[in-house]
Structures are given as structure tokens and as C-alpha cells.
């Protein structure tokens, strides 16, 4: 598996995907702006009719992208502010060659959506006075002297310049030989220890969040998995969320559709094959969570509505650097439309306003969420492969358009 391909980014937020999603949202809004009367009529559709239309979006995507992305299933959850019931749907089968229908309550590898969980734990520790995100790494991890002046904030906002272990030949060799290899955090970091730093600016690297995990464990004298459970999963009642394989019961594997490695030109021995469903020790605090879309949307709404952090730490979570320049920005704009916070990503769209979005991609699944603060709408979609040609943002755009045309997007 070569590590030089720009597509070998299995658990990252995707700048191009975010731009595509924002463009689709803009197109949807413009397409319906001139058709208010038709939209009003469609707005009176029954809930059943809307579910049918959204299920059609899922089916169309699965039909169109089944071969190109090697997927057998996709799923959707839409939640609204207030008491309006959520919509949960799925289509397809649990295996590419057939199998039972996939359930709307299926579990998915959520990939880099995990990073926001890690950032929140770190910020909770700061609020408790146990650390500061301005602390240098050297204060907590003196075993890495080359990185001693890099701060925790730089880890969380991807400006550390530390290389990504997923791109290292030594890691690739081990993973390709056995995708179920059990990695420790220290072993993952060892693949980049001693390598020269990258250029200044914003550079997405999964190593940053493995180091953040190690700091959390050093500060709390506890495992990352236990801190995740105690601080987030239990308070939010996320009963179908776990860190694989550490806190996931083995029976969870049966609730997950098979997840396929489909990164073209990479790891020919793995191409098109199902990956181990709970063997995610290669991801841990950077991408190792397994969850249902119901739990995911509960978490995302709590995250963006500030239910997990004091106000000061919530502001820090949402403090941005430009993904183009790596410089701090107050907010995204038309001129600088994509910013990275602490494990979260913001996109600006001139018609829908600010969007918080993130796509996580593990080796066996992709999960994308969009939160629109202006309306309180939250959309999450999932598909069961890693894919070089990833069009999952197209699905989120189609869902948004269907909701808009049905008159179901709330106004504030």
C-alpha cells in the first residue's frame, strides 16, 4: 500500500467534499427559491410521503454508486430542533453479495468524527484546571523531545506539523499483512517519531489526535476509552456508541454492515475486501468510534449547542484556523470558506450561512454529518466502504434538496 497517493486519507475531513456539499446546498436553495408556491404545496406532504422521497434519495445513490464505491448499503438520519420526530432510513443489504436488509439502527465506523469527542474531553480537562490547551507537549509527553514546544491546541487544530502515521510505509506494511493487528498508541506514534516536521500551516494528520489521547491518559491516569465513556457516552445516553474494540461488545459486529476497502491503486491484496468490523486499534482517539446514526446525531446536536462544555471552552472548540492559510480566522467567509476548529470543521455558504460539517472515513465506512445553525437542521448519512471516488456529499445534498422542496426545513 503506497503512502504517496493523495487519496490515502482514510479518516480525515475532506476539504473537497465539504466544498461539494456546500455547493449542493446552495444549488438546492437556489433551485427552490423561485418555486415558493410549489414548495408550499409539497410542504403539506404527509410524513409518509417525505420518508418515501428520502428513501428514494438513498436508493438512487446506492444504485448510482454501488459499483464505483463498492457499497451495498447507505443510511440516513435527519433531526430537527424542538420536538419534531427524527427521520431514520436505510436501504441495501449488509453484504455486497447480498445478505439481510440493512437496518436504520445499524452501527457504523464513524472515522474522524471521533476527533470532536477527543477535543471535548481535552477541553473538559482544561475547564477542570487539570491542563491548558496552551501547554506544550513536552510538559506531558517528555519522551518526544523534538515536539516539546508544540502545544495541545496545535494538535487539536492540525497546525502541529507532525507527520501522519497512516502515510508511513512501515505502518502500511503491518496493516496490509493483517488488518486486525492490535496497535498501541505509542506504536502508532513510533512510525513518525524522528521524522522532520512538515511545512507551517494547516496540515491534517491523525498523529495529532493519538498524541492527544496519550496526554488525556497521562493527565487522568485512566484509559481514553474509560474517559470517553464516563464523560460523554453515559451523560448523553449514547447506548449504541463505543470505542472499538475496547468497549464494544463482540455482538456489535453483527449490527454492522460489512465494510469494504475500496481505495483504488492502494493495497491490491485488500481491494474490494471486507475489513474487520471492530478491529480499529489503528485509529483509537483519531477515528476508532463505532456508533449508530441516532447516537451520532444526538452527540452532534449536543456538541454544537454547547451542552458539553463551559462557554469559554465552547468558544475554544469553535475557534478556527483557515484550512487554506493555517492562520486564525474569526469565522469562515466567502473569501475563506473552510475553517478547522478543535476537531470540528466550519464551512461558509452564502445562501445557507454557516455549516458545521465533518466526514469521517475509516477503512470500512464513511459517515458525514451537516449541522446548519441557522435552522437547527442536522443531517447524517453513511455508506459501507472506504472509497477513492467518494460522492457521499452528493447524497447529503440530495437529502437537503428533498427536505427543502417538501417545506420541512425549519426557519428561525
Protein backbone atom coordinates (compact mmCIF):
# COMPACT_ATOMS: atom_id res chain seq x y z
CA UNK A 1 0.00 0.00 0.00
CA UNK A 2 1.74 3.15 -1.13
CA UNK A 3 1.54 6.17 1.12
CA UNK A 4 2.25 8.77 -1.52
CA UNK A 5 -1.21 8.84 -3.06
CA UNK A 6 -3.28 11.92 -2.16
CA UNK A 7 -6.28 9.62 -1.81
CA UNK A 8 -4.78 7.63 1.07
CA UNK A 9 -6.57 9.66 3.73
CA UNK A 10 -8.98 7.16 5.26
CA UNK A 11 -10.08 9.10 8.32
CA UNK A 12 -9.88 12.76 7.51
CA UNK A 13 -12.22 15.64 6.96
CA UNK A 14 -12.27 16.24 3.23
CA UNK A 15 -11.91 19.80 2.03
CA UNK A 16 -13.13 18.96 -1.45
CA UNK A 17 -16.08 17.04 -0.04
CA UNK A 18 -17.03 19.96 2.16
CA UNK A 19 -16.91 22.34 -0.78
CA UNK A 20 -19.04 19.94 -2.80
CA UNK A 21 -21.58 19.66 0.00
CA UNK A 22 -21.77 23.42 0.37
CA UNK A 23 -22.24 23.84 -3.37
CA UNK A 24 -25.00 21.27 -3.37
CA UNK A 25 -26.76 23.03 -0.53
CA UNK A 26 -26.51 26.30 -2.41
CA UNK A 27 -27.84 24.69 -5.58
CA UNK A 28 -30.75 23.21 -3.66
CA UNK A 29 -31.64 26.54 -2.12
CA UNK A 30 -31.42 28.40 -5.42
CA UNK A 31 -33.40 25.74 -7.23
CA UNK A 32 -36.31 26.14 -4.83
CA UNK A 33 -36.15 29.89 -4.20
CA UNK A 34 -38.11 30.63 -7.36
CA UNK A 35 -40.71 27.96 -6.72
CA UNK A 36 -42.29 29.05 -3.45
CA UNK A 37 -45.82 28.06 -4.34
CA UNK A 38 -44.82 24.55 -5.43
CA UNK A 39 -42.71 24.20 -2.30
CA UNK A 40 -45.65 25.21 -0.14
CA UNK A 41 -47.80 22.52 -1.73
CA UNK A 42 -45.11 19.93 -1.22
CA UNK A 43 -44.72 21.18 2.34
CA UNK A 44 -48.12 19.70 3.06
CA UNK A 45 -46.95 16.23 2.12
CA UNK A 46 -47.56 13.62 4.76
CA UNK A 47 -44.70 12.24 6.79
CA UNK A 48 -45.03 9.03 4.85
CA UNK A 49 -44.60 10.85 1.54
CA UNK A 50 -41.49 12.62 2.81
CA UNK A 51 -39.99 9.37 4.05
CA UNK A 52 -40.72 7.83 0.65
CA UNK A 53 -38.96 10.70 -1.10
CA UNK A 54 -35.93 10.45 1.19
CA UNK A 55 -35.80 6.69 0.78
CA UNK A 56 -35.77 7.31 -2.95
CA UNK A 57 -32.69 9.54 -2.48
CA UNK A 58 -30.93 6.69 -0.68
CA UNK A 59 -31.92 4.14 -3.32
CA UNK A 60 -30.80 6.37 -6.18
CA UNK A 61 -27.43 6.94 -4.58
CA UNK A 62 -26.96 3.24 -3.90
CA UNK A 63 -27.88 2.35 -7.48
CA UNK A 64 -25.65 5.05 -8.97
CA UNK A 65 -22.64 4.48 -6.72
CA UNK A 66 -22.85 0.75 -5.91
CA UNK A 67 -20.06 -0.23 -8.30
CA UNK A 68 -17.96 2.94 -8.19
CA UNK A 69 -17.78 2.92 -4.37
CA UNK A 70 -18.32 -0.83 -3.83
CA UNK A 71 -21.21 -0.25 -1.45
CA UNK A 72 -24.17 -2.43 -0.61
CA UNK A 73 -25.87 -0.12 1.90
CA UNK A 74 -26.44 3.50 2.80
CA UNK A 75 -28.32 5.12 5.63
CA UNK A 76 -29.74 8.48 6.70
CA UNK A 77 -30.91 10.26 9.81
CA UNK A 78 -32.42 13.74 9.90
CA UNK A 79 -33.16 15.55 13.15
CA UNK A 80 -34.94 18.85 13.70
CA UNK A 81 -34.91 21.35 16.54
CA UNK A 82 -37.64 21.02 19.12
CA UNK A 83 -39.93 18.04 19.42
CA UNK A 84 -40.41 17.14 15.76
CA UNK A 85 -39.67 13.41 15.30
CA UNK A 86 -36.43 12.41 13.63
CA UNK A 87 -36.35 10.52 10.35
CA UNK A 88 -34.21 7.37 10.15
CA UNK A 89 -33.90 5.33 6.96
CA UNK A 90 -31.62 2.78 5.34
CA UNK A 91 -31.51 0.83 2.12
CA UNK A 92 -29.49 -2.04 0.70
CA UNK A 93 -28.06 -5.20 2.20
CA UNK A 94 -25.43 -5.97 4.79
CA UNK A 95 -23.07 -7.54 2.24
CA UNK A 96 -22.10 -6.66 -1.32
CA UNK A 97 -23.13 -10.14 -2.43
CA UNK A 98 -26.49 -9.96 -0.65
CA UNK A 99 -27.38 -10.72 2.93
CA UNK A 100 -30.19 -9.34 5.10
CA UNK A 101 -31.51 -5.79 4.58
CA UNK A 102 -29.50 -3.17 6.41
CA UNK A 103 -31.27 -1.66 9.41
CA UNK A 104 -31.76 2.06 10.06
CA UNK A 105 -30.35 1.30 13.52
CA UNK A 106 -27.17 -0.28 12.13
CA UNK A 107 -23.80 0.58 13.62
CA UNK A 108 -21.06 2.29 11.60
CA UNK A 109 -17.39 3.07 11.89
CA UNK A 110 -17.63 6.88 12.18
CA UNK A 111 -13.96 7.55 11.39
CA UNK A 112 -12.71 11.05 12.08
CA UNK A 113 -15.98 12.16 13.59
CA UNK A 114 -14.20 10.68 16.63
CA UNK A 115 -11.87 13.67 16.79
CA UNK A 116 -14.51 16.00 18.20
CA UNK A 117 -15.05 13.58 21.10
CA UNK A 118 -11.33 13.74 21.84
CA UNK A 119 -11.26 17.53 21.65
CA UNK A 120 -14.21 17.80 24.05
CA UNK A 121 -12.53 15.54 26.61
CA UNK A 122 -9.40 17.67 26.42
CA UNK A 123 -11.40 20.87 26.86
CA UNK A 124 -13.32 19.40 29.81
CA UNK A 125 -9.98 18.66 31.45
CA UNK A 126 -8.95 22.27 30.86
CA UNK A 127 -12.20 23.51 32.40
CA UNK A 128 -11.39 21.38 35.46
CA UNK A 129 -7.97 23.02 35.76
CA UNK A 130 -6.07 19.81 35.01
CA UNK A 131 -4.30 21.13 31.91
CA UNK A 132 -4.32 24.02 29.46
CA UNK A 133 -4.58 23.65 25.71
CA UNK A 134 -1.70 26.11 25.64
CA UNK A 135 0.51 23.54 27.36
CA UNK A 136 3.44 22.26 25.29
CA UNK A 137 3.57 18.56 24.54
CA UNK A 138 6.83 18.35 26.45
CA UNK A 139 5.02 19.01 29.73
CA UNK A 140 3.03 15.80 29.39
CA UNK A 141 4.94 13.63 26.91
CA UNK A 142 8.65 14.29 27.51
CA UNK A 143 9.52 11.14 25.57
CA UNK A 144 9.09 13.16 22.35
CA UNK A 145 11.66 15.97 22.76
CA UNK A 146 11.51 17.01 19.10
CA UNK A 147 7.89 18.06 19.61
CA UNK A 148 8.31 19.53 23.10
CA UNK A 149 7.30 23.08 22.09
CA UNK A 150 4.19 22.11 20.12
CA UNK A 151 1.05 22.95 22.07
CA UNK A 152 -2.06 20.90 22.69
CA UNK A 153 -4.02 23.49 20.72
CA UNK A 154 -1.77 22.87 17.72
CA UNK A 155 -2.51 19.17 17.98
CA UNK A 156 -6.23 19.78 18.04
CA UNK A 157 -6.35 22.35 15.21
CA UNK A 158 -3.95 20.49 12.91
CA UNK A 159 -1.15 23.05 12.88
CA UNK A 160 1.44 20.90 14.67
CA UNK A 161 3.43 19.98 11.51
CA UNK A 162 3.81 16.41 12.85
CA UNK A 163 3.63 13.80 10.04
CA UNK A 164 0.72 11.38 9.74
CA UNK A 165 1.48 7.78 10.74
CA UNK A 166 -1.07 6.50 8.22
CA UNK A 167 1.23 7.61 5.41
CA UNK A 168 4.29 5.74 6.60
CA UNK A 169 5.47 2.61 4.75
CA UNK A 170 6.22 0.78 7.99
CA UNK A 171 2.63 1.19 9.17
CA UNK A 172 1.26 0.20 5.77
CA UNK A 173 3.33 -2.98 5.70
CA UNK A 174 1.97 -4.12 9.05
CA UNK A 175 -1.63 -3.17 8.34
CA UNK A 176 -1.77 -4.76 4.90
CA UNK A 177 -0.32 -8.00 6.20
CA UNK A 178 -3.01 -8.18 8.89
CA UNK A 179 -5.76 -5.51 9.15
CA UNK A 180 -6.67 -6.95 12.56
CA UNK A 181 -3.23 -6.11 14.01
CA UNK A 182 -3.57 -4.72 17.53
CA UNK A 183 -1.72 -1.41 17.77
CA UNK A 184 -0.89 0.63 20.86
CA UNK A 185 -0.93 4.41 20.75
CA UNK A 186 2.83 4.51 21.31
CA UNK A 187 3.39 2.16 18.40
CA UNK A 188 1.35 4.35 16.08
CA UNK A 189 3.34 7.42 17.10
CA UNK A 190 6.61 5.49 16.65
CA UNK A 191 6.05 5.41 12.89
CA UNK A 192 6.67 9.17 12.71
CA UNK A 193 8.94 9.82 15.70
CA UNK A 194 12.20 11.24 14.36
CA UNK A 195 10.77 12.38 11.04
CA UNK A 196 11.23 16.04 10.09
CA UNK A 197 8.24 18.34 10.61
CA UNK A 198 6.10 19.39 7.71
CA UNK A 199 5.68 22.96 6.45
CA UNK A 200 3.97 25.58 8.59
CA UNK A 201 0.21 25.93 8.30
CA UNK A 202 -2.79 23.65 8.45
CA UNK A 203 -1.97 20.02 7.63
CA UNK A 204 -4.33 17.21 8.52
CA UNK A 205 -2.56 14.49 10.49
CA UNK A 206 -4.04 11.67 12.52
CA UNK A 207 -0.94 11.52 14.72
CA UNK A 208 -2.07 14.72 16.45
CA UNK A 209 -5.09 13.02 17.98
CA UNK A 210 -3.17 9.92 19.03
CA UNK A 211 -0.85 12.25 20.95
CA UNK A 212 -3.91 14.00 22.40
CA UNK A 213 -5.14 10.62 23.58
CA UNK A 214 -1.83 9.93 25.27
CA UNK A 215 -2.00 13.28 27.05
CA UNK A 216 -5.54 12.56 28.26
CA UNK A 217 -4.36 9.24 29.64
CA UNK A 218 -1.31 10.82 31.31
CA UNK A 219 -3.36 13.57 32.94
CA UNK A 220 -6.22 11.36 34.15
CA UNK A 221 -4.24 8.19 34.94
CA UNK A 222 -7.05 6.43 33.11
CA UNK A 223 -7.67 4.96 29.69
CA UNK A 224 -9.05 7.07 26.87
CA UNK A 225 -11.89 4.55 26.48
CA UNK A 226 -12.95 4.95 30.11
CA UNK A 227 -12.78 8.73 29.95
CA UNK A 228 -14.86 8.72 26.77
CA UNK A 229 -17.48 6.52 28.40
CA UNK A 230 -17.65 8.43 31.67
CA UNK A 231 -17.56 11.96 30.27
CA UNK A 232 -19.65 11.67 27.11
CA UNK A 233 -21.32 8.34 26.39
CA UNK A 234 -23.03 7.89 29.76
CA UNK A 235 -24.17 11.52 30.26
CA UNK A 236 -25.65 11.69 26.74
CA UNK A 237 -27.06 8.15 26.98
CA UNK A 238 -25.25 7.07 23.85
CA UNK A 239 -26.02 3.42 24.38
CA UNK A 240 -25.00 2.30 20.87
CA UNK A 241 -21.64 4.09 20.82
CA UNK A 242 -18.32 2.51 21.78
CA UNK A 243 -14.60 2.67 21.13
CA UNK A 244 -13.68 -0.35 19.04
CA UNK A 245 -12.66 -2.86 20.14
CA UNK A 246 -12.10 -1.71 23.72
CA UNK A 247 -15.67 -1.03 24.87
CA UNK A 248 -17.66 -2.63 22.04
CA UNK A 249 -19.29 -5.95 22.85
CA UNK A 250 -18.42 -8.58 20.21
CA UNK A 251 -22.11 -8.77 19.34
CA UNK A 252 -21.88 -5.24 17.88
CA UNK A 253 -20.18 -6.68 14.80
CA UNK A 254 -23.44 -8.36 13.81
CA UNK A 255 -25.16 -4.96 13.81
CA UNK A 256 -22.69 -3.51 11.30
CA UNK A 257 -22.88 -3.95 7.53
CA UNK A 258 -19.72 -5.38 6.03
CA UNK A 259 -17.31 -2.52 5.32
CA UNK A 260 -15.19 -2.65 2.18
CA UNK A 261 -11.72 -1.31 1.43
CA UNK A 262 -12.05 0.36 -1.96
CA UNK A 263 -9.17 2.77 -2.31
CA UNK A 264 -8.12 2.36 -5.94
CA UNK A 265 -4.47 1.61 -6.60
CA UNK A 266 -3.72 1.01 -2.95
CA UNK A 267 -3.15 -2.31 -1.21
CA UNK A 268 -4.22 -4.63 -4.08
CA UNK A 269 -4.45 -7.52 -1.65
CA UNK A 270 -7.17 -5.69 0.30
CA UNK A 271 -9.03 -4.06 -2.59
CA UNK A 272 -12.72 -4.90 -2.53
CA UNK A 273 -12.42 -6.95 0.64
CA UNK A 274 -14.43 -6.58 3.83
CA UNK A 275 -12.41 -5.15 6.71
CA UNK A 276 -12.61 -6.47 10.28
CA UNK A 277 -15.57 -4.64 11.76
CA UNK A 278 -14.28 -3.92 15.25
CA UNK A 279 -10.50 -4.06 14.70
CA UNK A 280 -9.90 -0.31 14.94
CA UNK A 281 -6.86 -0.10 17.20
CA UNK A 282 -5.11 1.58 14.27
CA UNK A 283 -7.47 4.56 14.79
CA UNK A 284 -8.25 4.91 18.53
CA UNK A 285 -8.86 8.57 19.54
CA UNK A 286 -8.44 9.77 15.99
CA UNK A 287 -11.09 7.56 14.38
CA UNK A 288 -11.97 4.46 16.40
CA UNK A 289 -15.56 5.07 17.48
CA UNK A 290 -18.44 2.88 16.30
CA UNK A 291 -21.94 4.33 16.57
CA UNK A 292 -25.47 4.40 15.22
CA UNK A 293 -26.67 7.44 13.31
CA UNK A 294 -29.22 8.01 16.07
CA UNK A 295 -26.44 8.33 18.64
CA UNK A 296 -24.33 10.34 16.22
CA UNK A 297 -27.00 12.98 15.74
CA UNK A 298 -27.67 13.14 19.49
CA UNK A 299 -23.96 13.75 20.02
CA UNK A 300 -23.64 16.30 17.21
CA UNK A 301 -26.58 18.37 18.42
CA UNK A 302 -25.19 18.41 21.97
CA UNK A 303 -21.76 19.32 20.59
CA UNK A 304 -22.87 22.30 18.53
CA UNK A 305 -25.43 23.57 21.02
CA UNK A 306 -22.81 23.83 23.76
CA UNK A 307 -24.20 21.21 26.13
CA UNK A 308 -20.84 19.59 26.88
CA UNK A 309 -18.54 22.49 27.73
CA UNK A 310 -18.47 25.76 29.65
CA UNK A 311 -18.82 28.81 27.43
CA UNK A 312 -15.10 29.57 27.35
CA UNK A 313 -14.18 26.07 26.24
CA UNK A 314 -17.03 26.02 23.70
CA UNK A 315 -15.55 29.15 22.15
CA UNK A 316 -12.17 27.45 22.02
CA UNK A 317 -13.71 24.38 20.37
CA UNK A 318 -15.12 26.62 17.66
CA UNK A 319 -12.01 28.81 17.26
CA UNK A 320 -10.86 28.38 13.68
CA UNK A 321 -7.80 28.33 11.51
CA UNK A 322 -8.16 28.72 7.78
CA UNK A 323 -7.61 25.42 6.01
CA UNK A 324 -6.11 27.45 3.15
CA UNK A 325 -3.58 29.50 5.11
CA UNK A 326 -3.38 27.93 8.58
CA UNK A 327 -3.94 31.39 10.08
CA UNK A 328 -6.55 32.05 12.78
CA UNK A 329 -9.88 33.38 11.49
CA UNK A 330 -12.92 34.62 13.42
CA UNK A 331 -15.31 32.78 11.12
CA UNK A 332 -15.47 31.44 7.61
CA UNK A 333 -16.40 33.81 4.78
CA UNK A 334 -16.97 33.70 1.04
CA UNK A 335 -13.28 34.59 0.60
CA UNK A 336 -12.05 31.97 3.09
CA UNK A 337 -14.85 29.40 3.22
CA UNK A 338 -13.41 26.44 5.16
CA UNK A 339 -12.04 26.56 8.67
CA UNK A 340 -10.88 23.92 11.14
CA UNK A 341 -11.57 24.25 14.85
CA UNK A 342 -10.65 21.77 17.56
CA UNK A 343 -11.85 18.57 15.96
CA UNK A 344 -14.68 20.35 14.14
CA UNK A 345 -14.97 21.95 10.70
CA UNK A 346 -16.92 25.01 9.58
CA UNK A 347 -17.96 25.83 6.01
CA UNK A 348 -19.44 29.10 4.78
CA UNK A 349 -22.21 29.15 2.20
CA UNK A 350 -23.72 32.45 1.02
CA UNK A 351 -27.28 31.05 0.94
CA UNK A 352 -27.42 28.74 3.93
CA UNK A 353 -24.90 30.60 6.08
CA UNK A 354 -22.52 28.78 8.40
CA UNK A 355 -22.45 24.97 8.22
CA UNK A 356 -20.67 22.70 10.65
CA UNK A 357 -19.78 19.53 8.79
CA UNK A 358 -17.44 16.57 9.04
CA UNK A 359 -16.90 13.43 7.04
CA UNK A 360 -15.17 10.56 8.77
CA UNK A 361 -13.80 7.74 6.66
CA UNK A 362 -12.47 4.55 8.18
CA UNK A 363 -11.26 1.64 6.07
CA UNK A 364 -14.77 0.16 6.07
CA UNK A 365 -17.24 3.05 6.18
CA UNK A 366 -17.91 6.73 5.63
CA UNK A 367 -20.13 8.86 7.85
CA UNK A 368 -20.88 12.50 7.05
CA UNK A 369 -22.89 14.97 9.11
CA UNK A 370 -24.06 18.51 8.41
CA UNK A 371 -25.41 20.90 11.04
CA UNK A 372 -26.98 24.18 9.96
CA UNK A 373 -27.14 26.54 12.96
CA UNK A 374 -29.48 28.96 11.17
CA UNK A 375 -32.24 26.35 11.02
CA UNK A 376 -31.17 23.74 13.55
CA UNK A 377 -31.33 21.05 10.86
CA UNK A 378 -28.96 18.09 11.27
CA UNK A 379 -28.33 15.52 8.53
CA UNK A 380 -26.17 12.40 8.87
CA UNK A 381 -25.51 9.90 6.09
CA UNK A 382 -23.42 6.74 5.92
CA UNK A 383 -22.18 4.20 3.38
CA UNK A 384 -20.29 0.93 3.86
CA UNK A 385 -16.94 1.39 2.14
CA UNK A 386 -13.82 3.49 2.08
CA UNK A 387 -13.68 4.90 -1.43
CA UNK A 388 -11.28 6.87 -3.55
CA UNK A 389 -14.16 8.36 -5.52
CA UNK A 390 -16.31 9.48 -2.62
CA UNK A 391 -19.61 11.13 -3.55
CA UNK A 392 -21.27 10.91 -0.15
CA UNK A 393 -21.68 14.72 -0.02
CA UNK A 394 -23.90 14.36 -3.10
CA UNK A 395 -26.26 12.26 -1.00
CA UNK A 396 -26.41 14.87 1.75
CA UNK A 397 -27.15 17.49 -0.90
CA UNK A 398 -29.97 15.41 -2.38
CA UNK A 399 -31.44 14.94 1.10
CA UNK A 400 -31.29 18.67 1.79
CA UNK A 401 -32.99 19.41 -1.50
CA UNK A 402 -35.80 16.93 -0.78
CA UNK A 403 -36.34 18.46 2.66
CA UNK A 404 -36.33 21.96 1.21
CA UNK A 405 -38.77 21.09 -1.53
CA UNK A 406 -41.09 19.46 0.99
CA UNK A 407 -41.13 22.65 3.04
CA UNK A 408 -39.80 20.84 6.10
CA UNK A 409 -36.67 22.88 6.79
CA UNK A 410 -37.39 24.97 9.88
CA UNK A 411 -36.96 28.73 9.79
CA UNK A 412 -35.64 30.89 12.60
